[in-house]
Amino acid sequence: MLLLNVLMAAAWMALTGDFSPLNALFGFAISYFILWFVWRAVGPSRYFAKIPQVIGFIGFYLWELIISSLRVAYIVLSPSALRPGVIAVPLDIKTDAEVALLTNVITLTPGTLSLDVASDRSTLYVHALEAPEPNEFCREVKQNFERRVRELLT
């Protein structure tokens, strides 16, 4: 379904003669709604539930990116507040895609770095610039990041 959506967006760009990113996004959105109307008559599809989840995940991640950037800026400006630590976060997710997405999202968030994943995928080791309470950090990772990754990829 995604491929069909992308092909329809490419056709839109070819028909309009405008290959700008904004027109590509507009063509993708138009194609999405056309497919949604057509597929509603044919039967349900998980694709139409996933696109809003992807958009929600991107919005959530951008918000976390802003907040964590502000936290890192505060740490840089007041080095006495620095309380780094390596925290073992127990994982409920098991597939390669889920673990890879989670580790990348954590690593790309300022102030945190995924160090290693246990061979049985039961634990993720994360270095955090500010980790005064390891249990609270684990709870935040599990509730914010791991839960959203699991919802997105299942």
N, C-alpha and C. Protein backbone atom coordinates (compact mmCIF):
# COMPACT_ATOMS: atom_id res chain seq x y z
N MET A 1 0.82 -1.18 0.00
CA MET A 1 0.00 0.00 0.00
C MET A 1 0.88 1.26 0.00
N LEU A 2 1.97 1.22 0.75
CA LEU A 2 2.88 2.37 0.77
C LEU A 2 3.46 2.59 -0.61
N LEU A 3 3.85 1.51 -1.28
CA LEU A 3 4.41 1.64 -2.61
C LEU A 3 3.41 2.28 -3.57
N LEU A 4 2.15 1.85 -3.49
CA LEU A 4 1.11 2.43 -4.32
C LEU A 4 0.93 3.92 -4.01
N ASN A 5 0.99 4.27 -2.74
CA ASN A 5 0.88 5.67 -2.33
C ASN A 5 2.03 6.49 -2.90
N VAL A 6 3.24 5.96 -2.84
CA VAL A 6 4.41 6.66 -3.36
C VAL A 6 4.33 6.78 -4.88
N LEU A 7 3.89 5.71 -5.56
CA LEU A 7 3.77 5.77 -7.01
C LEU A 7 2.72 6.79 -7.44
N MET A 8 1.62 6.86 -6.71
CA MET A 8 0.60 7.86 -7.03
C MET A 8 1.12 9.27 -6.79
N ALA A 9 1.92 9.45 -5.75
CA ALA A 9 2.51 10.77 -5.49
C ALA A 9 3.51 11.13 -6.59
N ALA A 10 4.27 10.15 -7.06
CA ALA A 10 5.20 10.40 -8.17
C ALA A 10 4.44 10.76 -9.44
N ALA A 11 3.33 10.08 -9.68
CA ALA A 11 2.50 10.41 -10.84
C ALA A 11 1.96 11.84 -10.72
N TRP A 12 1.56 12.22 -9.51
CA TRP A 12 1.08 13.59 -9.27
C TRP A 12 2.17 14.61 -9.62
N MET A 13 3.39 14.33 -9.16
CA MET A 13 4.48 15.26 -9.45
C MET A 13 4.77 15.32 -10.94
N ALA A 14 4.70 14.19 -11.63
CA ALA A 14 4.94 14.17 -13.07
C ALA A 14 3.85 14.93 -13.82
N LEU A 15 2.61 14.76 -13.39
CA LEU A 15 1.50 15.45 -14.06
C LEU A 15 1.55 16.96 -13.83
N THR A 16 1.94 17.38 -12.65
CA THR A 16 2.00 18.82 -12.37
C THR A 16 3.30 19.44 -12.86
N GLY A 17 4.33 18.62 -13.07
CA GLY A 17 5.62 19.13 -13.52
C GLY A 17 6.42 19.81 -12.43
N ASP A 18 6.00 19.66 -11.20
CA ASP A 18 6.67 20.29 -10.06
C ASP A 18 7.23 19.18 -9.17
N PHE A 19 8.56 19.11 -9.04
CA PHE A 19 9.20 18.05 -8.28
C PHE A 19 9.77 18.56 -6.95
N SER A 20 9.16 19.60 -6.43
CA SER A 20 9.61 20.16 -5.16
C SER A 20 9.16 19.25 -4.00
N PRO A 21 9.87 19.31 -2.87
CA PRO A 21 9.46 18.50 -1.71
C PRO A 21 8.05 18.82 -1.23
N LEU A 22 7.65 20.07 -1.29
CA LEU A 22 6.30 20.45 -0.85
C LEU A 22 5.24 19.83 -1.76
N ASN A 23 5.48 19.83 -3.06
CA ASN A 23 4.53 19.21 -3.99
C ASN A 23 4.53 17.69 -3.82
N ALA A 24 5.68 17.10 -3.50
CA ALA A 24 5.74 15.66 -3.25
C ALA A 24 4.91 15.31 -2.02
N LEU A 25 5.03 16.11 -0.97
CA LEU A 25 4.24 15.89 0.24
C LEU A 25 2.74 16.06 -0.04
N PHE A 26 2.41 17.08 -0.82
CA PHE A 26 1.02 17.32 -1.19
C PHE A 26 0.48 16.15 -2.02
N GLY A 27 1.27 15.66 -2.97
CA GLY A 27 0.87 14.51 -3.78
C GLY A 27 0.71 13.26 -2.94
N PHE A 28 1.58 13.07 -1.96
CA PHE A 28 1.46 11.92 -1.06
C PHE A 28 0.18 12.01 -0.25
N ALA A 29 -0.14 13.20 0.24
CA ALA A 29 -1.36 13.38 1.03
C ALA A 29 -2.61 13.16 0.19
N ILE A 30 -2.63 13.70 -1.01
CA ILE A 30 -3.78 13.48 -1.90
C ILE A 30 -3.93 11.99 -2.20
N SER A 31 -2.82 11.33 -2.51
CA SER A 31 -2.86 9.89 -2.81
C SER A 31 -3.34 9.10 -1.62
N TYR A 32 -2.91 9.49 -0.43
CA TYR A 32 -3.34 8.80 0.78
C TYR A 32 -4.86 8.87 0.93
N PHE A 33 -5.43 10.06 0.76
CA PHE A 33 -6.88 10.20 0.91
C PHE A 33 -7.65 9.48 -0.19
N ILE A 34 -7.12 9.48 -1.41
CA ILE A 34 -7.76 8.72 -2.49
C ILE A 34 -7.76 7.24 -2.15
N LEU A 35 -6.62 6.72 -1.73
CA LEU A 35 -6.53 5.31 -1.35
C LEU A 35 -7.44 4.99 -0.17
N TRP A 36 -7.52 5.91 0.77
CA TRP A 36 -8.37 5.69 1.94
C TRP A 36 -9.84 5.55 1.53
N PHE A 37 -10.29 6.43 0.63
CA PHE A 37 -11.68 6.34 0.17
C PHE A 37 -11.93 5.06 -0.62
N VAL A 38 -11.00 4.69 -1.48
CA VAL A 38 -11.17 3.48 -2.29
C VAL A 38 -11.10 2.24 -1.41
N TRP A 39 -10.13 2.21 -0.50
CA TRP A 39 -9.95 1.02 0.33
C TRP A 39 -11.05 0.85 1.36
N ARG A 40 -11.68 1.91 1.74
CA ARG A 40 -12.79 1.82 2.68
C ARG A 40 -13.91 0.97 2.09
N ALA A 41 -14.12 1.06 0.79
CA ALA A 41 -15.15 0.27 0.12
C ALA A 41 -14.72 -1.19 -0.03
N VAL A 42 -13.41 -1.42 -0.19
CA VAL A 42 -12.90 -2.79 -0.39
C VAL A 42 -12.79 -3.54 0.92
N GLY A 43 -12.27 -2.91 1.94
CA GLY A 43 -12.09 -3.55 3.24
C GLY A 43 -11.05 -2.83 4.06
N PRO A 44 -10.90 -3.18 5.32
CA PRO A 44 -9.95 -2.49 6.20
C PRO A 44 -8.50 -2.81 5.83
N SER A 45 -7.63 -1.87 6.12
CA SER A 45 -6.20 -2.04 5.90
C SER A 45 -5.44 -1.40 7.05
N ARG A 46 -4.38 -2.06 7.50
CA ARG A 46 -3.57 -1.54 8.60
C ARG A 46 -2.79 -0.29 8.19
N TYR A 47 -2.58 -0.14 6.89
CA TYR A 47 -1.80 0.99 6.38
C TYR A 47 -2.39 2.32 6.84
N PHE A 48 -3.70 2.42 6.82
CA PHE A 48 -4.34 3.70 7.15
C PHE A 48 -4.29 4.00 8.65
N ALA A 49 -4.06 2.99 9.46
CA ALA A 49 -3.87 3.23 10.89
C ALA A 49 -2.41 3.57 11.19
N LYS A 50 -1.49 3.08 10.36
CA LYS A 50 -0.07 3.29 10.62
C LYS A 50 0.40 4.70 10.28
N ILE A 51 -0.13 5.30 9.24
CA ILE A 51 0.32 6.64 8.85
C ILE A 51 0.09 7.65 9.99
N PRO A 52 -1.11 7.68 10.62
CA PRO A 52 -1.26 8.59 11.76
C PRO A 52 -0.31 8.24 12.92
N GLN A 53 -0.02 6.94 13.11
CA GLN A 53 0.92 6.56 14.15
C GLN A 53 2.32 7.06 13.83
N VAL A 54 2.72 6.96 12.57
CA VAL A 54 4.05 7.45 12.16
C VAL A 54 4.13 8.96 12.37
N ILE A 55 3.09 9.68 11.98
CA ILE A 55 3.07 11.13 12.18
C ILE A 55 3.12 11.47 13.67
N GLY A 56 2.37 10.72 14.47
CA GLY A 56 2.40 10.93 15.92
C GLY A 56 3.76 10.64 16.52
N PHE A 57 4.41 9.58 16.04
CA PHE A 57 5.74 9.23 16.53
C PHE A 57 6.75 10.31 16.17
N ILE A 58 6.67 10.82 14.95
CA ILE A 58 7.58 11.88 14.53
C ILE A 58 7.36 13.13 15.38
N GLY A 59 6.10 13.49 15.62
CA GLY A 59 5.80 14.64 16.48
C GLY A 59 6.32 14.45 17.89
N PHE A 60 6.09 13.25 18.45
CA PHE A 60 6.59 12.94 19.78
C PHE A 60 8.11 13.06 19.82
N TYR A 61 8.79 12.49 18.81
CA TYR A 61 10.24 12.51 18.81
C TYR A 61 10.77 13.94 18.66
N LEU A 62 10.15 14.74 17.81
CA LEU A 62 10.61 16.13 17.67
C LEU A 62 10.46 16.89 18.98
N TRP A 63 9.37 16.64 19.70
CA TRP A 63 9.17 17.27 21.01
C TRP A 63 10.27 16.82 21.98
N GLU A 64 10.55 15.53 22.03
CA GLU A 64 11.61 15.01 22.89
C GLU A 64 12.97 15.57 22.50
N LEU A 65 13.18 15.76 21.21
CA LEU A 65 14.43 16.33 20.72
C LEU A 65 14.62 17.75 21.24
N ILE A 66 13.56 18.53 21.21
CA ILE A 66 13.61 19.92 21.70
C ILE A 66 13.87 19.94 23.20
N ILE A 67 13.11 19.12 23.95
CA ILE A 67 13.26 19.10 25.42
C ILE A 67 14.66 18.63 25.81
N SER A 68 15.14 17.57 25.19
CA SER A 68 16.46 17.06 25.56
C SER A 68 17.56 18.02 25.14
N SER A 69 17.39 18.73 24.04
CA SER A 69 18.37 19.74 23.65
C SER A 69 18.45 20.86 24.68
N LEU A 70 17.29 21.26 25.20
CA LEU A 70 17.29 22.29 26.25
C LEU A 70 17.95 21.77 27.52
N ARG A 71 17.72 20.49 27.85
CA ARG A 71 18.37 19.91 29.03
C ARG A 71 19.89 19.88 28.87
N VAL A 72 20.36 19.50 27.69
CA VAL A 72 21.81 19.45 27.44
C VAL A 72 22.38 20.86 27.50
N ALA A 73 21.67 21.84 26.96
CA ALA A 73 22.15 23.22 27.03
C ALA A 73 22.26 23.67 28.49
N TYR A 74 21.29 23.28 29.31
CA TYR A 74 21.35 23.62 30.73
C TYR A 74 22.55 22.95 31.40
N ILE A 75 22.80 21.69 31.06
CA ILE A 75 23.94 20.97 31.64
C ILE A 75 25.24 21.64 31.23
N VAL A 76 25.35 22.07 29.99
CA VAL A 76 26.57 22.73 29.52
C VAL A 76 26.78 24.06 30.24
N LEU A 77 25.70 24.78 30.46
CA LEU A 77 25.81 26.09 31.11
C LEU A 77 26.02 25.99 32.61
N SER A 78 25.62 24.87 33.22
CA SER A 78 25.84 24.69 34.66
C SER A 78 26.41 23.28 34.89
N PRO A 79 27.72 23.14 34.68
CA PRO A 79 28.34 21.81 34.78
C PRO A 79 28.23 21.15 36.15
N SER A 80 27.90 21.90 37.17
CA SER A 80 27.76 21.29 38.49
C SER A 80 26.54 20.37 38.55
N ALA A 81 25.61 20.52 37.60
CA ALA A 81 24.40 19.70 37.57
C ALA A 81 24.63 18.36 36.86
N LEU A 82 25.84 18.12 36.39
CA LEU A 82 26.14 16.91 35.62
C LEU A 82 26.14 15.68 36.53
N ARG A 83 25.23 14.75 36.24
CA ARG A 83 25.14 13.48 36.97
C ARG A 83 25.00 12.34 35.97
N PRO A 84 26.10 11.98 35.28
CA PRO A 84 26.02 10.95 34.25
C PRO A 84 25.89 9.55 34.85
N GLY A 85 25.48 8.62 34.00
CA GLY A 85 25.39 7.24 34.45
C GLY A 85 25.09 6.31 33.30
N VAL A 86 25.44 5.05 33.50
CA VAL A 86 25.08 3.99 32.56
C VAL A 86 23.96 3.20 33.21
N ILE A 87 22.85 3.10 32.50
CA ILE A 87 21.65 2.48 33.06
C ILE A 87 21.28 1.27 32.22
N ALA A 88 20.96 0.18 32.89
CA ALA A 88 20.48 -1.03 32.22
C ALA A 88 18.95 -0.94 32.15
N VAL A 89 18.43 -0.84 30.94
CA VAL A 89 16.98 -0.72 30.73
C VAL A 89 16.45 -2.08 30.27
N PRO A 90 15.60 -2.72 31.06
CA PRO A 90 15.03 -4.01 30.63
C PRO A 90 14.09 -3.78 29.44
N LEU A 91 14.18 -4.67 28.44
CA LEU A 91 13.39 -4.51 27.23
C LEU A 91 12.27 -5.54 27.14
N ASP A 92 11.12 -5.08 26.66
CA ASP A 92 10.02 -5.98 26.35
C ASP A 92 9.99 -6.29 24.86
N ILE A 93 10.56 -5.41 24.04
CA ILE A 93 10.59 -5.64 22.60
C ILE A 93 11.69 -6.65 22.28
N LYS A 94 11.50 -7.41 21.19
CA LYS A 94 12.47 -8.47 20.88
C LYS A 94 12.94 -8.49 19.43
N THR A 95 12.15 -7.96 18.48
CA THR A 95 12.55 -8.08 17.08
C THR A 95 13.70 -7.14 16.77
N ASP A 96 14.44 -7.49 15.72
CA ASP A 96 15.57 -6.67 15.31
C ASP A 96 15.15 -5.25 14.94
N ALA A 97 14.04 -5.12 14.23
CA ALA A 97 13.59 -3.80 13.80
C ALA A 97 13.21 -2.93 15.00
N GLU A 98 12.52 -3.51 15.96
CA GLU A 98 12.12 -2.75 17.15
C GLU A 98 13.33 -2.30 17.95
N VAL A 99 14.27 -3.22 18.17
CA VAL A 99 15.47 -2.89 18.94
C VAL A 99 16.30 -1.85 18.20
N ALA A 100 16.43 -2.00 16.88
CA ALA A 100 17.22 -1.05 16.10
C ALA A 100 16.60 0.34 16.14
N LEU A 101 15.28 0.43 15.97
CA LEU A 101 14.63 1.74 16.02
C LEU A 101 14.76 2.38 17.41
N LEU A 102 14.56 1.59 18.45
CA LEU A 102 14.68 2.12 19.81
C LEU A 102 16.09 2.62 20.09
N THR A 103 17.09 1.83 19.75
CA THR A 103 18.47 2.25 20.03
C THR A 103 18.84 3.49 19.22
N ASN A 104 18.37 3.58 17.99
CA ASN A 104 18.67 4.77 17.18
C ASN A 104 17.97 6.00 17.70
N VAL A 105 16.73 5.87 18.12
CA VAL A 105 16.00 7.03 18.65
C VAL A 105 16.66 7.51 19.93
N ILE A 106 17.07 6.59 20.78
CA ILE A 106 17.74 6.98 22.02
C ILE A 106 19.08 7.64 21.73
N THR A 107 19.84 7.08 20.78
CA THR A 107 21.15 7.64 20.46
C THR A 107 21.03 9.01 19.81
N LEU A 108 20.01 9.21 18.99
CA LEU A 108 19.84 10.50 18.32
C LEU A 108 19.27 11.58 19.22
N THR A 109 18.79 11.21 20.39
CA THR A 109 18.30 12.18 21.35
C THR A 109 19.49 12.74 22.14
N PRO A 110 19.67 14.05 22.14
CA PRO A 110 20.82 14.63 22.86
C PRO A 110 20.82 14.25 24.34
N GLY A 111 22.00 13.90 24.81
CA GLY A 111 22.16 13.57 26.22
C GLY A 111 22.09 12.09 26.52
N THR A 112 21.74 11.27 25.54
CA THR A 112 21.68 9.83 25.75
C THR A 112 22.41 9.12 24.61
N LEU A 113 22.93 7.94 24.92
CA LEU A 113 23.66 7.14 23.94
C LEU A 113 23.43 5.66 24.24
N SER A 114 22.93 4.94 23.27
CA SER A 114 22.78 3.49 23.42
C SER A 114 24.15 2.86 23.31
N LEU A 115 24.54 2.11 24.33
CA LEU A 115 25.87 1.52 24.34
C LEU A 115 25.88 0.09 23.82
N ASP A 116 24.94 -0.73 24.29
CA ASP A 116 24.95 -2.14 23.94
C ASP A 116 23.57 -2.74 24.21
N VAL A 117 23.31 -3.83 23.53
CA VAL A 117 22.10 -4.61 23.77
C VAL A 117 22.55 -6.01 24.15
N ALA A 118 21.95 -6.56 25.19
CA ALA A 118 22.30 -7.92 25.61
C ALA A 118 22.02 -8.88 24.46
N SER A 119 22.78 -9.97 24.39
CA SER A 119 22.65 -10.91 23.28
C SER A 119 21.25 -11.53 23.20
N ASP A 120 20.55 -11.64 24.32
CA ASP A 120 19.19 -12.18 24.31
C ASP A 120 18.14 -11.08 24.17
N ARG A 121 18.57 -9.86 23.90
CA ARG A 121 17.71 -8.68 23.73
C ARG A 121 16.84 -8.38 24.95
N SER A 122 17.32 -8.72 26.10
CA SER A 122 16.54 -8.48 27.32
C SER A 122 16.88 -7.14 27.97
N THR A 123 18.04 -6.58 27.64
CA THR A 123 18.51 -5.36 28.31
C THR A 123 19.21 -4.46 27.31
N LEU A 124 18.93 -3.17 27.44
CA LEU A 124 19.62 -2.14 26.66
C LEU A 124 20.42 -1.29 27.64
N TYR A 125 21.68 -1.10 27.34
CA TYR A 125 22.54 -0.28 28.20
C TYR A 125 22.65 1.11 27.59
N VAL A 126 22.29 2.11 28.37
CA VAL A 126 22.22 3.48 27.89
C VAL A 126 23.08 4.38 28.77
N HIS A 127 23.89 5.22 28.14
CA HIS A 127 24.62 6.25 28.89
C HIS A 127 23.79 7.52 28.83
N ALA A 128 23.57 8.13 29.98
CA ALA A 128 22.81 9.37 30.06
C ALA A 128 23.65 10.43 30.75
N LEU A 129 23.63 11.64 30.22
CA LEU A 129 24.36 12.74 30.85
C LEU A 129 23.77 13.10 32.20
N GLU A 130 22.47 12.93 32.31
CA GLU A 130 21.79 13.28 33.54
C GLU A 130 20.91 12.09 33.94
N ALA A 131 21.38 11.33 34.92
CA ALA A 131 20.63 10.15 35.37
C ALA A 131 20.73 10.01 36.88
N PRO A 132 20.15 10.96 37.63
CA PRO A 132 20.25 10.87 39.08
C PRO A 132 19.43 9.71 39.65
N GLU A 133 18.37 9.33 38.98
CA GLU A 133 17.48 8.27 39.45
C GLU A 133 17.32 7.23 38.33
N PRO A 134 18.09 6.12 38.37
CA PRO A 134 18.04 5.12 37.29
C PRO A 134 16.65 4.52 37.07
N ASN A 135 15.89 4.30 38.14
CA ASN A 135 14.56 3.71 37.97
C ASN A 135 13.62 4.66 37.23
N GLU A 136 13.72 5.94 37.50
CA GLU A 136 12.91 6.93 36.79
C GLU A 136 13.30 7.00 35.32
N PHE A 137 14.61 6.93 35.05
CA PHE A 137 15.09 6.94 33.67
C PHE A 137 14.56 5.72 32.91
N CYS A 138 14.62 4.55 33.53
CA CYS A 138 14.09 3.32 32.91
C CYS A 138 12.60 3.45 32.63
N ARG A 139 11.88 4.00 33.57
CA ARG A 139 10.44 4.17 33.40
C ARG A 139 10.13 5.10 32.22
N GLU A 140 10.87 6.19 32.12
CA GLU A 140 10.66 7.14 31.02
C GLU A 140 10.97 6.50 29.68
N VAL A 141 12.06 5.74 29.59
CA VAL A 141 12.41 5.08 28.33
C VAL A 141 11.35 4.07 27.95
N LYS A 142 10.89 3.28 28.93
CA LYS A 142 9.90 2.25 28.64
C LYS A 142 8.54 2.85 28.28
N GLN A 143 8.10 3.86 29.00
CA GLN A 143 6.78 4.44 28.75
C GLN A 143 6.77 5.34 27.52
N ASN A 144 7.83 6.09 27.31
CA ASN A 144 7.83 7.03 26.20
C ASN A 144 8.33 6.41 24.90
N PHE A 145 9.52 5.84 24.93
CA PHE A 145 10.13 5.37 23.70
C PHE A 145 9.75 3.93 23.35
N GLU A 146 9.96 3.01 24.27
CA GLU A 146 9.74 1.60 23.94
C GLU A 146 8.27 1.32 23.61
N ARG A 147 7.36 1.88 24.36
CA ARG A 147 5.94 1.67 24.10
C ARG A 147 5.56 2.18 22.71
N ARG A 148 6.03 3.35 22.36
CA ARG A 148 5.71 3.93 21.05
C ARG A 148 6.34 3.15 19.90
N VAL A 149 7.55 2.68 20.10
CA VAL A 149 8.20 1.86 19.07
C VAL A 149 7.43 0.56 18.87
N ARG A 150 7.01 -0.07 19.96
CA ARG A 150 6.25 -1.31 19.86
C ARG A 150 4.93 -1.07 19.13
N GLU A 151 4.23 0.00 19.47
CA GLU A 151 2.97 0.31 18.80
C GLU A 151 3.17 0.60 17.32
N LEU A 152 4.27 1.26 16.99
CA LEU A 152 4.53 1.63 15.61
C LEU A 152 4.87 0.42 14.74
N LEU A 153 5.60 -0.52 15.30
CA LEU A 153 6.09 -1.64 14.48
C LEU A 153 5.29 -2.93 14.63
N THR A 154 4.22 -2.91 15.39
CA THR A 154 3.40 -4.13 15.46
C THR A 154 2.10 -3.95 14.73
